[in-house]
N, C-alpha and C. Protein backbone atom coordinates (compact mmCIF):
# COMPACT_ATOMS: atom_id res chain seq x y z
N MET A 1 152.62 74.29 75.09
CA MET A 1 152.14 75.64 74.96
C MET A 1 150.65 75.66 74.63
N LYS A 2 150.24 74.73 73.77
CA LYS A 2 148.83 74.64 73.37
C LYS A 2 147.95 74.36 74.60
N ARG A 3 148.44 73.48 75.47
CA ARG A 3 147.69 73.12 76.68
C ARG A 3 147.49 74.35 77.57
N TYR A 4 148.52 75.17 77.75
CA TYR A 4 148.41 76.37 78.58
C TYR A 4 147.43 77.38 77.96
N SER A 5 147.46 77.47 76.65
CA SER A 5 146.53 78.39 75.97
C SER A 5 145.08 77.98 76.21
N ILE A 6 144.82 76.69 76.16
CA ILE A 6 143.46 76.19 76.40
C ILE A 6 143.04 76.46 77.84
N ILE A 7 143.93 76.23 78.78
CA ILE A 7 143.61 76.48 80.20
C ILE A 7 143.33 77.96 80.44
N ILE A 8 144.16 78.82 79.88
CA ILE A 8 143.95 80.27 80.03
C ILE A 8 142.62 80.69 79.40
N LEU A 9 142.31 80.16 78.23
CA LEU A 9 141.06 80.47 77.56
C LEU A 9 139.86 80.03 78.40
N LEU A 10 139.93 78.82 78.98
CA LEU A 10 138.85 78.34 79.83
C LEU A 10 138.67 79.22 81.07
N LEU A 11 139.77 79.63 81.67
CA LEU A 11 139.69 80.51 82.84
C LEU A 11 139.05 81.84 82.49
N LEU A 12 139.40 82.40 81.34
CA LEU A 12 138.81 83.66 80.91
C LEU A 12 137.32 83.50 80.65
N LEU A 13 136.93 82.43 80.02
CA LEU A 13 135.51 82.19 79.74
C LEU A 13 134.72 82.04 81.03
N CYS A 14 135.28 81.30 82.00
CA CYS A 14 134.58 81.11 83.27
C CYS A 14 134.47 82.41 84.05
N SER A 15 135.50 83.21 84.05
CA SER A 15 135.48 84.44 84.84
C SER A 15 134.59 85.51 84.23
N CYS A 16 134.30 85.44 82.95
CA CYS A 16 133.47 86.45 82.29
C CYS A 16 132.03 85.99 82.12
N GLY A 17 131.67 84.79 82.58
CA GLY A 17 130.37 84.23 82.29
C GLY A 17 129.29 84.53 83.30
N GLY A 18 129.58 85.21 84.41
CA GLY A 18 128.57 85.45 85.45
C GLY A 18 127.35 86.16 84.94
N GLY A 19 127.53 87.16 84.12
CA GLY A 19 126.41 87.92 83.58
C GLY A 19 125.50 87.05 82.73
N LYS A 20 126.07 86.22 81.88
CA LYS A 20 125.27 85.34 81.03
C LYS A 20 124.53 84.31 81.87
N ALA A 21 125.18 83.76 82.89
CA ALA A 21 124.50 82.79 83.76
C ALA A 21 123.35 83.46 84.49
N PHE A 22 123.55 84.68 84.98
CA PHE A 22 122.48 85.42 85.64
C PHE A 22 121.34 85.68 84.67
N GLU A 23 121.66 86.04 83.42
CA GLU A 23 120.62 86.32 82.43
C GLU A 23 119.73 85.10 82.22
N LYS A 24 120.32 83.91 82.15
CA LYS A 24 119.54 82.69 81.99
C LYS A 24 118.64 82.46 83.20
N ARG A 25 119.17 82.68 84.39
CA ARG A 25 118.37 82.46 85.60
C ARG A 25 117.30 83.54 85.76
N VAL A 26 117.58 84.77 85.34
CA VAL A 26 116.55 85.82 85.38
C VAL A 26 115.36 85.39 84.53
N SER A 27 115.62 84.87 83.35
CA SER A 27 114.53 84.40 82.49
C SER A 27 113.76 83.26 83.16
N LYS A 28 114.47 82.35 83.78
CA LYS A 28 113.82 81.21 84.42
C LYS A 28 113.05 81.65 85.67
N VAL A 29 113.64 82.49 86.50
CA VAL A 29 113.02 82.89 87.76
C VAL A 29 111.88 83.87 87.53
N PHE A 30 112.04 84.83 86.62
CA PHE A 30 111.04 85.89 86.47
C PHE A 30 109.93 85.54 85.49
N LYS A 31 110.18 84.75 84.49
CA LYS A 31 109.21 84.34 83.47
C LYS A 31 108.48 85.51 82.84
N GLY A 32 107.14 85.59 83.02
CA GLY A 32 106.27 86.52 82.30
C GLY A 32 106.44 87.99 82.61
N PRO A 33 105.55 88.82 82.06
CA PRO A 33 105.71 90.27 82.07
C PRO A 33 105.67 90.93 83.45
N VAL A 34 104.99 90.37 84.43
CA VAL A 34 105.04 90.96 85.76
C VAL A 34 106.00 90.14 86.60
N PHE A 35 105.59 88.96 87.07
CA PHE A 35 106.50 88.12 87.84
C PHE A 35 105.99 86.68 87.80
N ARG A 36 106.74 85.80 87.20
CA ARG A 36 106.45 84.37 87.18
C ARG A 36 105.06 84.05 86.64
N ASP A 37 104.63 84.79 85.62
CA ASP A 37 103.32 84.63 85.01
C ASP A 37 102.17 84.93 85.97
N LEU A 38 102.46 85.70 87.01
CA LEU A 38 101.45 86.14 87.98
C LEU A 38 101.49 87.65 88.08
N THR A 39 100.40 88.24 88.58
CA THR A 39 100.36 89.69 88.73
C THR A 39 99.50 90.07 89.93
N ILE A 40 99.54 91.32 90.29
CA ILE A 40 98.73 91.84 91.38
C ILE A 40 97.26 91.53 91.08
N GLY A 41 96.55 91.04 92.07
CA GLY A 41 95.13 90.72 91.91
C GLY A 41 94.85 89.26 91.59
N ASP A 42 95.87 88.48 91.21
CA ASP A 42 95.66 87.06 90.96
C ASP A 42 95.30 86.35 92.26
N SER A 43 94.60 85.24 92.15
CA SER A 43 94.11 84.54 93.34
C SER A 43 95.19 83.68 94.00
N TYR A 44 94.93 83.38 95.25
CA TYR A 44 95.78 82.49 96.04
C TYR A 44 95.93 81.14 95.32
N ASN A 45 94.80 80.60 94.85
CA ASN A 45 94.82 79.30 94.17
C ASN A 45 95.61 79.35 92.87
N LYS A 46 95.57 80.47 92.15
CA LYS A 46 96.36 80.58 90.92
C LYS A 46 97.85 80.52 91.24
N VAL A 47 98.26 81.15 92.34
CA VAL A 47 99.67 81.08 92.75
C VAL A 47 100.05 79.63 93.03
N LEU A 48 99.20 78.92 93.78
CA LEU A 48 99.49 77.52 94.11
C LEU A 48 99.58 76.66 92.85
N LYS A 49 98.73 76.93 91.86
CA LYS A 49 98.75 76.15 90.62
C LYS A 49 99.93 76.52 89.72
N THR A 50 100.35 77.79 89.76
CA THR A 50 101.41 78.28 88.88
C THR A 50 102.79 77.93 89.40
N GLU A 51 102.99 78.07 90.70
CA GLU A 51 104.31 77.86 91.30
C GLU A 51 104.63 76.38 91.48
N ASN A 52 105.90 76.08 91.52
CA ASN A 52 106.39 74.73 91.77
C ASN A 52 106.42 74.50 93.28
N GLN A 53 105.63 73.57 93.75
CA GLN A 53 105.51 73.33 95.19
C GLN A 53 106.82 72.83 95.82
N ASP A 54 107.74 72.33 95.01
CA ASP A 54 109.02 71.88 95.53
C ASP A 54 109.82 73.01 96.17
N TYR A 55 109.53 74.25 95.76
CA TYR A 55 110.27 75.39 96.27
C TYR A 55 109.53 76.14 97.38
N MET A 56 108.32 75.68 97.72
CA MET A 56 107.55 76.36 98.76
C MET A 56 108.25 76.18 100.11
N GLN A 57 108.40 77.29 100.82
CA GLN A 57 109.05 77.26 102.12
C GLN A 57 108.07 77.55 103.24
N PHE A 58 107.09 78.42 102.97
CA PHE A 58 106.18 78.84 104.03
C PHE A 58 104.81 79.16 103.43
N PRO A 59 103.81 78.30 103.67
CA PRO A 59 102.46 78.62 103.21
C PRO A 59 101.61 79.13 104.38
N ASP A 60 100.80 80.11 104.11
CA ASP A 60 99.85 80.66 105.07
C ASP A 60 98.71 81.25 104.26
N THR A 61 97.63 81.65 104.89
CA THR A 61 96.52 82.23 104.14
C THR A 61 96.82 83.63 103.63
N ASN A 62 97.78 84.32 104.24
CA ASN A 62 98.12 85.68 103.83
C ASN A 62 99.47 85.80 103.14
N ILE A 63 100.31 84.78 103.28
CA ILE A 63 101.67 84.84 102.71
C ILE A 63 102.06 83.45 102.21
N ILE A 64 102.67 83.42 101.03
CA ILE A 64 103.33 82.20 100.56
C ILE A 64 104.75 82.59 100.19
N LYS A 65 105.71 81.86 100.74
CA LYS A 65 107.12 82.14 100.46
C LYS A 65 107.75 80.94 99.76
N TYR A 66 108.52 81.25 98.70
CA TYR A 66 109.25 80.23 97.95
C TYR A 66 110.74 80.52 98.03
N ARG A 67 111.53 79.45 97.96
CA ARG A 67 112.99 79.59 98.03
C ARG A 67 113.60 78.66 96.98
N TYR A 68 114.47 79.24 96.16
CA TYR A 68 115.15 78.49 95.10
C TYR A 68 116.65 78.66 95.30
N GLN A 69 117.33 77.57 95.65
CA GLN A 69 118.77 77.64 95.89
C GLN A 69 119.52 77.05 94.71
N VAL A 70 120.35 77.90 94.10
CA VAL A 70 121.14 77.48 92.94
C VAL A 70 122.45 76.86 93.41
N SER A 71 123.09 77.52 94.39
CA SER A 71 124.37 77.05 94.92
C SER A 71 124.53 77.60 96.33
N ASP A 72 125.67 77.35 96.94
CA ASP A 72 125.94 77.89 98.29
C ASP A 72 125.96 79.41 98.29
N SER A 73 126.25 80.02 97.15
CA SER A 73 126.38 81.47 97.09
C SER A 73 125.33 82.15 96.21
N GLU A 74 124.29 81.42 95.81
CA GLU A 74 123.24 82.02 94.99
C GLU A 74 121.89 81.42 95.36
N GLU A 75 121.00 82.30 95.82
CA GLU A 75 119.70 81.85 96.31
C GLU A 75 118.65 82.92 96.01
N TYR A 76 117.43 82.48 95.74
CA TYR A 76 116.34 83.40 95.42
C TYR A 76 115.15 83.12 96.33
N HIS A 77 114.54 84.18 96.84
CA HIS A 77 113.33 84.07 97.66
C HIS A 77 112.26 84.94 97.03
N TRP A 78 111.04 84.46 96.96
CA TRP A 78 109.95 85.31 96.53
C TRP A 78 108.76 85.06 97.44
N VAL A 79 108.06 86.14 97.73
CA VAL A 79 106.94 86.11 98.67
C VAL A 79 105.73 86.76 98.01
N TYR A 80 104.61 86.08 98.11
CA TYR A 80 103.34 86.65 97.67
C TYR A 80 102.56 87.01 98.92
N ILE A 81 102.12 88.24 99.00
CA ILE A 81 101.33 88.71 100.13
C ILE A 81 99.91 88.91 99.63
N PHE A 82 98.95 88.36 100.36
CA PHE A 82 97.56 88.37 99.92
C PHE A 82 96.68 89.23 100.82
N GLU A 83 95.66 89.77 100.20
CA GLU A 83 94.61 90.47 100.93
C GLU A 83 93.30 90.03 100.28
N GLU A 84 92.42 89.47 101.07
CA GLU A 84 91.15 88.95 100.57
C GLU A 84 91.37 87.98 99.41
N ASP A 85 92.29 87.05 99.59
CA ASP A 85 92.58 85.98 98.63
C ASP A 85 93.16 86.46 97.30
N LYS A 86 93.62 87.69 97.23
CA LYS A 86 94.21 88.22 95.99
C LYS A 86 95.62 88.73 96.29
N ILE A 87 96.53 88.59 95.31
CA ILE A 87 97.89 89.09 95.49
C ILE A 87 97.83 90.60 95.65
N LYS A 88 98.39 91.08 96.76
CA LYS A 88 98.47 92.51 97.03
C LYS A 88 99.88 93.01 96.73
N GLU A 89 100.87 92.15 96.95
CA GLU A 89 102.26 92.54 96.81
C GLU A 89 103.12 91.32 96.53
N ILE A 90 104.17 91.52 95.75
CA ILE A 90 105.15 90.48 95.49
C ILE A 90 106.52 91.03 95.88
N GLN A 91 107.24 90.25 96.67
CA GLN A 91 108.60 90.64 97.06
C GLN A 91 109.56 89.57 96.57
N PHE A 92 110.67 90.01 96.00
CA PHE A 92 111.68 89.09 95.50
C PHE A 92 113.04 89.53 96.03
N ASP A 93 113.83 88.57 96.51
CA ASP A 93 115.19 88.84 96.98
C ASP A 93 116.14 87.87 96.31
N ALA A 94 117.21 88.40 95.75
CA ALA A 94 118.29 87.58 95.19
C ALA A 94 119.48 87.73 96.12
N TYR A 95 119.99 86.61 96.60
CA TYR A 95 121.20 86.58 97.43
C TYR A 95 122.31 86.00 96.56
N LEU A 96 123.31 86.81 96.30
CA LEU A 96 124.37 86.45 95.36
C LEU A 96 125.70 86.54 96.09
N GLY A 97 126.65 85.73 95.69
CA GLY A 97 127.91 85.63 96.41
C GLY A 97 128.70 86.91 96.57
N GLU A 98 128.93 87.61 95.51
CA GLU A 98 129.82 88.77 95.51
C GLU A 98 129.03 90.08 95.44
N GLU A 99 129.56 91.11 96.04
CA GLU A 99 128.92 92.42 95.99
C GLU A 99 128.72 92.90 94.55
N LYS A 100 129.72 92.66 93.70
CA LYS A 100 129.62 93.10 92.30
C LYS A 100 128.51 92.35 91.56
N ASP A 101 128.17 91.14 92.00
CA ASP A 101 127.09 90.37 91.38
C ASP A 101 125.75 91.09 91.52
N GLY A 102 125.57 91.81 92.62
CA GLY A 102 124.34 92.57 92.83
C GLY A 102 124.17 93.63 91.75
N GLU A 103 125.25 94.30 91.40
CA GLU A 103 125.18 95.32 90.35
C GLU A 103 124.88 94.70 88.99
N VAL A 104 125.53 93.57 88.70
CA VAL A 104 125.30 92.88 87.42
C VAL A 104 123.84 92.45 87.34
N TYR A 105 123.34 91.84 88.39
CA TYR A 105 121.96 91.34 88.42
C TYR A 105 120.96 92.50 88.31
N THR A 106 121.23 93.59 89.02
CA THR A 106 120.36 94.78 88.94
C THR A 106 120.30 95.31 87.52
N ASN A 107 121.43 95.39 86.86
CA ASN A 107 121.47 95.87 85.47
C ASN A 107 120.67 94.97 84.53
N ILE A 108 120.78 93.66 84.73
CA ILE A 108 120.03 92.71 83.90
C ILE A 108 118.53 92.91 84.11
N LEU A 109 118.12 93.01 85.37
CA LEU A 109 116.69 93.21 85.65
C LEU A 109 116.18 94.54 85.12
N GLN A 110 116.98 95.58 85.26
CA GLN A 110 116.56 96.89 84.77
C GLN A 110 116.35 96.84 83.25
N LYS A 111 117.25 96.22 82.52
CA LYS A 111 117.10 96.11 81.07
C LYS A 111 115.85 95.30 80.71
N LYS A 112 115.64 94.20 81.43
CA LYS A 112 114.48 93.34 81.17
C LYS A 112 113.18 94.11 81.37
N TYR A 113 113.05 94.80 82.49
CA TYR A 113 111.80 95.50 82.79
C TYR A 113 111.67 96.81 82.02
N ASP A 114 112.77 97.41 81.60
CA ASP A 114 112.67 98.58 80.71
C ASP A 114 112.02 98.15 79.39
N LYS A 115 112.34 96.97 78.91
CA LYS A 115 111.75 96.48 77.67
C LYS A 115 110.26 96.17 77.85
N ILE A 116 109.89 95.66 79.01
CA ILE A 116 108.50 95.25 79.27
C ILE A 116 107.63 96.45 79.65
N TRP A 117 108.11 97.29 80.57
CA TRP A 117 107.29 98.34 81.17
C TRP A 117 107.68 99.76 80.75
N GLY A 118 108.68 99.90 79.92
CA GLY A 118 109.13 101.23 79.52
C GLY A 118 110.29 101.70 80.39
N VAL A 119 110.84 102.84 80.04
CA VAL A 119 112.03 103.35 80.71
C VAL A 119 111.75 103.63 82.20
N SER A 120 112.64 103.17 83.03
CA SER A 120 112.51 103.33 84.48
C SER A 120 112.96 104.72 84.91
N THR A 121 112.61 105.05 86.15
CA THR A 121 113.13 106.26 86.79
C THR A 121 113.96 105.82 87.98
N THR A 122 114.93 106.64 88.37
CA THR A 122 115.77 106.31 89.50
C THR A 122 115.78 107.48 90.47
N SER A 123 115.55 107.16 91.75
CA SER A 123 115.57 108.18 92.81
C SER A 123 116.10 107.53 94.08
N ASP A 124 117.11 108.13 94.66
CA ASP A 124 117.72 107.62 95.90
C ASP A 124 118.12 106.15 95.80
N GLY A 125 118.61 105.75 94.63
CA GLY A 125 119.08 104.38 94.44
C GLY A 125 117.98 103.37 94.17
N ILE A 126 116.73 103.83 94.06
CA ILE A 126 115.61 102.94 93.78
C ILE A 126 115.19 103.13 92.33
N ILE A 127 115.22 102.04 91.58
CA ILE A 127 114.82 102.05 90.18
C ILE A 127 113.34 101.67 90.16
N SER A 128 112.50 102.49 89.51
CA SER A 128 111.05 102.28 89.58
C SER A 128 110.38 102.28 88.22
N TRP A 129 109.26 101.55 88.15
CA TRP A 129 108.38 101.52 86.98
C TRP A 129 106.95 101.66 87.46
N ASN A 130 106.09 102.22 86.62
CA ASN A 130 104.66 102.27 86.86
C ASN A 130 103.96 101.96 85.55
N LYS A 131 103.07 100.97 85.57
CA LYS A 131 102.33 100.63 84.35
C LYS A 131 101.02 99.96 84.72
N ASP A 132 99.95 100.44 84.15
CA ASP A 132 98.63 99.82 84.31
C ASP A 132 98.24 99.62 85.78
N GLY A 133 98.55 100.59 86.63
CA GLY A 133 98.17 100.51 88.04
C GLY A 133 99.07 99.65 88.90
N ILE A 134 100.18 99.20 88.31
CA ILE A 134 101.14 98.38 89.06
C ILE A 134 102.47 99.11 89.07
N SER A 135 103.10 99.12 90.23
CA SER A 135 104.42 99.73 90.38
C SER A 135 105.43 98.66 90.77
N ALA A 136 106.68 98.91 90.44
CA ALA A 136 107.76 98.00 90.81
C ALA A 136 108.97 98.83 91.19
N ASP A 137 109.65 98.38 92.24
CA ASP A 137 110.87 99.02 92.71
C ASP A 137 111.98 97.99 92.75
N LEU A 138 113.13 98.34 92.20
CA LEU A 138 114.31 97.49 92.17
C LEU A 138 115.41 98.18 92.95
N ILE A 139 115.99 97.46 93.92
CA ILE A 139 116.99 98.06 94.79
C ILE A 139 118.20 97.12 94.87
N ASN A 140 119.37 97.66 94.56
CA ASN A 140 120.62 96.91 94.75
C ASN A 140 121.09 97.19 96.18
N GLU A 141 120.89 96.24 97.07
CA GLU A 141 121.26 96.40 98.47
C GLU A 141 122.68 95.93 98.76
N SER A 142 123.40 95.52 97.73
CA SER A 142 124.74 94.95 97.89
C SER A 142 125.71 95.86 98.65
N PRO A 143 125.80 97.16 98.33
CA PRO A 143 126.75 98.00 99.05
C PRO A 143 126.45 98.11 100.54
N VAL A 144 125.20 97.94 100.92
CA VAL A 144 124.81 98.05 102.33
C VAL A 144 125.14 96.77 103.09
N VAL A 145 124.87 95.61 102.47
CA VAL A 145 125.06 94.33 103.15
C VAL A 145 126.41 93.68 102.84
N LEU A 146 127.19 94.29 101.94
CA LEU A 146 128.54 93.83 101.58
C LEU A 146 128.56 92.41 101.01
N MET A 147 127.52 92.09 100.27
CA MET A 147 127.44 90.85 99.49
C MET A 147 126.46 91.14 98.36
N GLY A 148 126.30 90.25 97.43
CA GLY A 148 125.33 90.47 96.37
C GLY A 148 123.91 90.30 96.90
N LYS A 149 123.13 91.37 96.88
CA LYS A 149 121.75 91.33 97.40
C LYS A 149 120.91 92.30 96.59
N VAL A 150 119.86 91.79 95.96
CA VAL A 150 118.97 92.60 95.14
C VAL A 150 117.54 92.37 95.62
N LYS A 151 116.77 93.44 95.76
CA LYS A 151 115.37 93.36 96.17
C LYS A 151 114.51 93.94 95.06
N PHE A 152 113.39 93.26 94.77
CA PHE A 152 112.44 93.70 93.76
C PHE A 152 111.05 93.63 94.37
N LEU A 153 110.33 94.74 94.38
CA LEU A 153 108.99 94.81 94.97
C LEU A 153 107.99 95.18 93.89
N ILE A 154 106.86 94.49 93.87
CA ILE A 154 105.78 94.78 92.93
C ILE A 154 104.52 95.00 93.76
N TYR A 155 103.80 96.09 93.49
CA TYR A 155 102.65 96.45 94.32
C TYR A 155 101.71 97.34 93.51
N GLU A 156 100.53 97.56 94.04
CA GLU A 156 99.58 98.45 93.38
C GLU A 156 100.09 99.88 93.45
N THR A 157 100.01 100.61 92.35
CA THR A 157 100.44 102.00 92.33
C THR A 157 99.64 102.79 93.36
N GLY A 158 100.34 103.60 94.12
CA GLY A 158 99.68 104.40 95.15
C GLY A 158 99.62 103.72 96.50
N ASP A 159 99.91 102.43 96.56
CA ASP A 159 99.89 101.70 97.83
C ASP A 159 101.22 101.93 98.54
N THR A 160 101.19 102.60 99.65
CA THR A 160 102.43 102.90 100.36
C THR A 160 102.80 101.82 101.37
N SER A 161 102.00 100.77 101.48
CA SER A 161 102.31 99.72 102.45
C SER A 161 103.43 98.80 101.99
N PHE A 162 103.91 98.96 100.73
CA PHE A 162 104.95 98.08 100.22
C PHE A 162 106.24 98.20 101.01
N LYS A 163 106.41 99.25 101.77
CA LYS A 163 107.64 99.45 102.53
C LYS A 163 107.75 98.47 103.69
N LYS A 164 106.66 97.75 104.00
CA LYS A 164 106.68 96.75 105.07
C LYS A 164 107.30 95.48 104.50
N TYR A 165 108.53 95.21 104.84
CA TYR A 165 109.20 94.03 104.35
C TYR A 165 108.79 92.81 105.19
N VAL A 166 108.69 91.68 104.54
CA VAL A 166 108.38 90.44 105.25
C VAL A 166 109.62 90.03 106.04
N PRO A 167 109.45 89.77 107.34
CA PRO A 167 110.63 89.32 108.11
C PRO A 167 111.05 87.93 107.65
N GLU A 168 112.27 87.59 107.92
CA GLU A 168 112.75 86.25 107.57
C GLU A 168 111.90 85.22 108.27
N LEU A 169 111.41 84.25 107.51
CA LEU A 169 110.54 83.21 108.06
C LEU A 169 111.31 81.95 108.27
């Protein structure tokens, strides 16, 4: 009986741990107050020095894309878009196994950025922040793609070009 109790307890712990695992990875992937200790206006060279080159997938003079694969069902992509050697926009995509994971991940990010940038606003499913001339939009795309998918965009406030998504490279 004791053996079955331990097995059941382990199963319960494993099934309830997704949020905590995501929280640890959010801290690791996102790091500093804007994104990975980088912000809009930072130089191309600062990105190269700050980021881990092991995760670089696509370097170009206008775009650098990184990919971090945790498992077969969890992967992160981030893209820095440059204009005149300065970060103009940052795009982040989390690909998560289950549709419900997208909601969990979105909630974790919203809480994190609410603490950093103040209370967010929500309109048409887009969670937004504006602070010090920088805007960020968080979108849970999971219900549309029927898997866990979260998009986070960081751009200069007032810049409407952020709607141009980087195609898959």
